[in-house]
Amino acid sequence: MRFNGSAWEFVGTAGFSAWFVEDVCLDMDSNDVPYVAFRDGGNDNKATVMKFNGTTWVNVGSAGFSAAAAKYICLKLDCNDKPIVAYSDEAFNDKITVMHYTGGNWETLGNSGFTPNDADYLSMNLLCDASPYVAFKDNTTNGGISVMRFYNSNWEFVGPAEFSPNHVYDISIGFDAANTPYVAYIDKQNPNYEG
């Protein structure tokens, strides 16, 4: 939905997905075209991306394009309006896979399942040169936060793995004007944590 200045209105038809969805993520391209990515219950819980073409919602590439079920889906569009998605990939024991839409197809960016172990609570952001950074709960040792980036055609850690002192939830990653990454998260050991 969008706010028209006085009220919220539907963008296209309400309930436009083929079936139930989870893990919905929204981003806009440079022409203010909305894109959504989601875990698609109509396609075996695989990842699907759709955009609004001014009249209706249409698939970007094939619906259910991931190899298997996808969780914690994140969507960003780069400075060239190319959509990129990150998700926990059931095909690789819930390790992270990142794919980008190029040449009319969804292709893997680097290796599929590139994290050392399964990952939850993903957050992805991009630098303008389309360098994705993914922050996630890293279940290799203690469920702390790790950040990886795609650099020189490979995925690499930004700083040490699992650098937070405690388990984390609900992660968000962003950049300042100097492209320094920042992360925010729920700290399970925080006395105000109620989960």
Protein backbone atom coordinates (compact mmCIF):
# COMPACT_ATOMS: atom_id res chain seq x y z
CA MET A 1 0.00 0.00 0.00
CA ARG A 2 1.06 3.64 -0.43
CA PHE A 3 0.03 6.87 1.26
CA ASN A 4 -1.57 9.31 -1.20
CA GLY A 5 -1.36 12.33 1.11
CA SER A 6 -4.56 11.67 3.03
CA ALA A 7 -5.10 7.91 3.12
CA TRP A 8 -3.45 4.55 2.43
CA GLU A 9 -4.40 2.94 -0.89
CA PHE A 10 -3.66 -0.37 -2.56
CA VAL A 11 -0.92 -0.51 -5.20
CA GLY A 12 -2.53 -2.73 -7.81
CA THR A 13 -4.78 -5.52 -6.59
CA ALA A 14 -4.77 -6.55 -2.94
CA GLY A 15 -3.60 -10.12 -2.38
CA PHE A 16 -1.72 -10.30 -5.68
CA SER A 17 0.55 -13.22 -4.73
CA ALA A 18 -0.53 -16.65 -5.94
CA TRP A 19 -0.65 -18.15 -2.42
CA PHE A 20 0.39 -17.36 1.15
CA VAL A 21 3.74 -15.66 1.66
CA GLU A 22 6.25 -15.00 4.46
CA ASP A 23 9.42 -12.92 4.90
CA VAL A 24 8.23 -10.04 2.72
CA CYS A 25 10.85 -7.42 1.79
CA LEU A 26 10.27 -4.19 -0.20
CA ASP A 27 12.57 -1.86 -2.12
CA MET A 28 12.15 0.82 -4.81
CA ASP A 29 14.11 1.41 -7.99
CA SER A 30 15.31 4.84 -9.17
CA ASN A 31 12.00 5.38 -11.01
CA ASP A 32 9.97 4.68 -7.84
CA VAL A 33 8.88 1.26 -9.07
CA PRO A 34 8.21 -0.98 -6.04
CA TYR A 35 9.69 -4.47 -5.92
CA VAL A 36 8.81 -7.14 -3.34
CA ALA A 37 10.58 -10.38 -2.50
CA PHE A 38 9.01 -13.14 -0.44
CA ARG A 39 8.97 -16.78 0.60
CA ASP A 40 6.40 -18.10 -1.86
CA GLY A 41 3.97 -20.66 -0.45
CA GLY A 42 2.65 -21.27 -3.96
CA ASN A 43 6.11 -22.39 -5.11
CA ASP A 44 7.35 -24.72 -2.35
CA ASN A 45 8.42 -21.76 -0.17
CA LYS A 46 11.09 -20.75 -2.68
CA ALA A 47 12.04 -17.11 -3.31
CA THR A 48 9.94 -15.00 -5.66
CA VAL A 49 10.38 -11.34 -6.67
CA MET A 50 7.61 -9.22 -8.20
CA LYS A 51 7.37 -5.60 -9.31
CA PHE A 52 4.50 -3.24 -10.05
CA ASN A 53 4.46 -2.26 -13.74
CA GLY A 54 2.00 0.60 -13.30
CA THR A 55 -1.04 -1.60 -13.77
CA THR A 56 -0.41 -4.95 -12.17
CA TRP A 57 2.20 -6.96 -10.25
CA VAL A 58 4.44 -9.12 -12.46
CA ASN A 59 7.17 -11.65 -11.73
CA VAL A 60 10.79 -10.61 -12.08
CA GLY A 61 12.17 -13.70 -13.78
CA SER A 62 10.66 -17.01 -12.76
CA ALA A 63 8.52 -17.38 -9.66
CA GLY A 64 10.17 -19.65 -7.11
CA PHE A 65 13.64 -19.20 -8.60
CA SER A 66 15.71 -20.39 -5.61
CA ALA A 67 16.95 -23.99 -5.64
CA ALA A 68 14.93 -24.87 -2.53
CA ALA A 69 12.96 -23.15 0.22
CA ALA A 70 14.24 -19.71 1.24
CA LYS A 71 13.99 -18.02 4.64
CA TYR A 72 14.84 -14.55 6.00
CA ILE A 73 14.68 -13.07 2.50
CA CYS A 74 16.24 -9.62 1.92
CA LEU A 75 15.87 -7.54 -1.25
CA LYS A 76 17.85 -4.52 -2.43
CA LEU A 77 18.17 -2.77 -5.78
CA ASP A 78 21.60 -1.50 -6.75
CA CYS A 79 22.36 1.87 -8.36
CA ASN A 80 21.62 0.33 -11.77
CA ASP A 81 18.21 -0.90 -10.57
CA LYS A 82 19.36 -4.52 -10.58
CA PRO A 83 17.55 -6.52 -7.86
CA ILE A 84 19.64 -8.62 -5.49
CA VAL A 85 18.26 -11.05 -2.91
CA ALA A 86 19.85 -12.81 0.06
CA TYR A 87 18.29 -15.70 1.95
CA SER A 88 18.92 -18.73 4.11
CA ASP A 89 19.02 -21.54 1.57
CA GLU A 90 17.46 -24.87 2.51
CA ALA A 91 19.41 -26.48 -0.35
CA PHE A 92 22.59 -25.73 1.61
CA ASN A 93 21.43 -26.48 5.17
CA ASP A 94 20.21 -22.91 5.69
CA LYS A 95 23.52 -21.28 4.81
CA ILE A 96 23.23 -17.99 2.94
CA THR A 97 22.90 -17.65 -0.83
CA VAL A 98 22.78 -14.33 -2.69
CA MET A 99 21.35 -14.04 -6.20
CA HIS A 100 21.06 -11.15 -8.63
CA TYR A 101 18.82 -10.63 -11.64
CA THR A 102 20.86 -10.16 -14.78
CA GLY A 103 20.26 -10.89 -18.44
CA GLY A 104 16.69 -11.94 -17.76
CA ASN A 105 17.67 -14.63 -15.25
CA TRP A 106 18.44 -15.06 -11.57
CA GLU A 107 22.09 -16.00 -11.06
CA THR A 108 24.09 -16.80 -7.95
CA LEU A 109 26.52 -14.13 -6.78
CA GLY A 110 29.63 -16.05 -5.82
CA ASN A 111 29.06 -19.47 -4.25
CA SER A 112 25.71 -20.74 -3.02
CA GLY A 113 25.62 -21.46 0.71
CA PHE A 114 28.80 -19.43 1.34
CA THR A 115 28.48 -18.96 5.12
CA PRO A 116 30.37 -21.40 7.37
CA ASN A 117 27.16 -22.66 8.97
CA ASP A 118 23.43 -22.02 8.99
CA ALA A 119 22.37 -18.39 9.38
CA ASP A 120 19.26 -16.61 10.68
CA TYR A 121 17.92 -13.04 10.87
CA LEU A 122 19.61 -11.81 7.70
CA SER A 123 19.96 -8.16 6.76
CA MET A 124 21.52 -6.99 3.50
CA ASN A 125 22.59 -3.60 2.25
CA LEU A 126 24.56 -2.46 -0.80
CA LEU A 127 27.17 0.07 -1.66
CA CYS A 128 26.50 1.90 -4.91
CA ASP A 129 29.03 -0.23 -6.78
CA ALA A 130 26.70 -3.19 -6.03
CA SER A 131 28.92 -4.64 -3.31
CA PRO A 132 26.46 -6.48 -1.05
CA TYR A 133 27.09 -6.74 2.69
CA VAL A 134 25.11 -9.36 4.60
CA ALA A 135 24.78 -9.33 8.39
CA PHE A 136 23.41 -12.45 10.05
CA LYS A 137 23.12 -14.53 13.18
CA ASP A 138 25.99 -16.96 12.73
CA ASN A 139 25.21 -20.36 14.22
CA THR A 140 28.77 -21.68 13.83
CA THR A 141 29.70 -21.26 17.51
CA ASN A 142 27.53 -19.09 19.74
CA GLY A 143 24.89 -17.42 17.56
CA GLY A 144 26.68 -14.08 17.46
CA ILE A 145 26.55 -11.60 14.61
CA SER A 146 28.80 -11.89 11.56
CA VAL A 147 29.07 -9.65 8.51
CA MET A 148 30.29 -10.77 5.09
CA ARG A 149 30.72 -8.86 1.84
CA PHE A 150 31.13 -9.77 -1.81
CA TYR A 151 34.55 -8.50 -2.86
CA ASN A 152 36.80 -9.48 -5.78
CA SER A 153 34.32 -12.21 -6.79
CA ASN A 154 34.39 -13.86 -3.36
CA TRP A 155 32.54 -13.66 -0.06
CA GLU A 156 34.72 -12.58 2.86
CA PHE A 157 34.19 -11.64 6.50
CA VAL A 158 34.21 -7.99 7.48
CA GLY A 159 36.18 -8.12 10.70
CA PRO A 160 36.05 -11.25 12.86
CA ALA A 161 33.21 -13.75 12.67
CA GLU A 162 30.64 -13.75 15.48
CA PHE A 163 31.97 -10.49 16.88
CA SER A 164 29.04 -9.75 19.21
CA PRO A 165 29.46 -10.96 22.80
CA ASN A 166 26.05 -12.68 22.89
CA HIS A 167 23.35 -14.30 20.78
CA VAL A 168 21.57 -11.87 18.46
CA TYR A 169 18.18 -11.44 16.81
CA ASP A 170 16.50 -9.05 14.36
CA ILE A 171 19.58 -7.59 12.68
CA SER A 172 19.81 -4.46 10.53
CA ILE A 173 22.85 -3.20 8.58
CA GLY A 174 23.47 0.23 7.05
CA PHE A 175 26.24 2.58 5.96
CA ASP A 176 27.25 6.13 6.81
CA ALA A 177 28.39 8.70 4.25
CA ALA A 178 31.94 7.27 4.35
CA ASN A 179 30.61 3.75 3.58
CA THR A 180 31.40 2.53 7.10
CA PRO A 181 29.06 -0.35 7.95
CA TYR A 182 26.94 -0.19 11.10
CA VAL A 183 24.81 -2.96 12.59
CA ALA A 184 21.95 -2.90 15.07
CA TYR A 185 20.46 -5.98 16.68
CA ILE A 186 18.62 -7.39 19.67
CA ASP A 187 21.09 -8.68 22.24
CA LYS A 188 19.70 -11.74 24.02
CA GLN A 189 21.75 -11.01 27.14
CA ASN A 190 20.42 -7.46 27.37
CA PRO A 191 18.28 -7.21 30.54
CA ASN A 192 15.49 -5.63 28.46
CA TYR A 193 15.31 -8.62 26.09
CA GLU A 194 11.95 -10.39 26.43
CA GLY A 195 12.27 -13.17 23.82
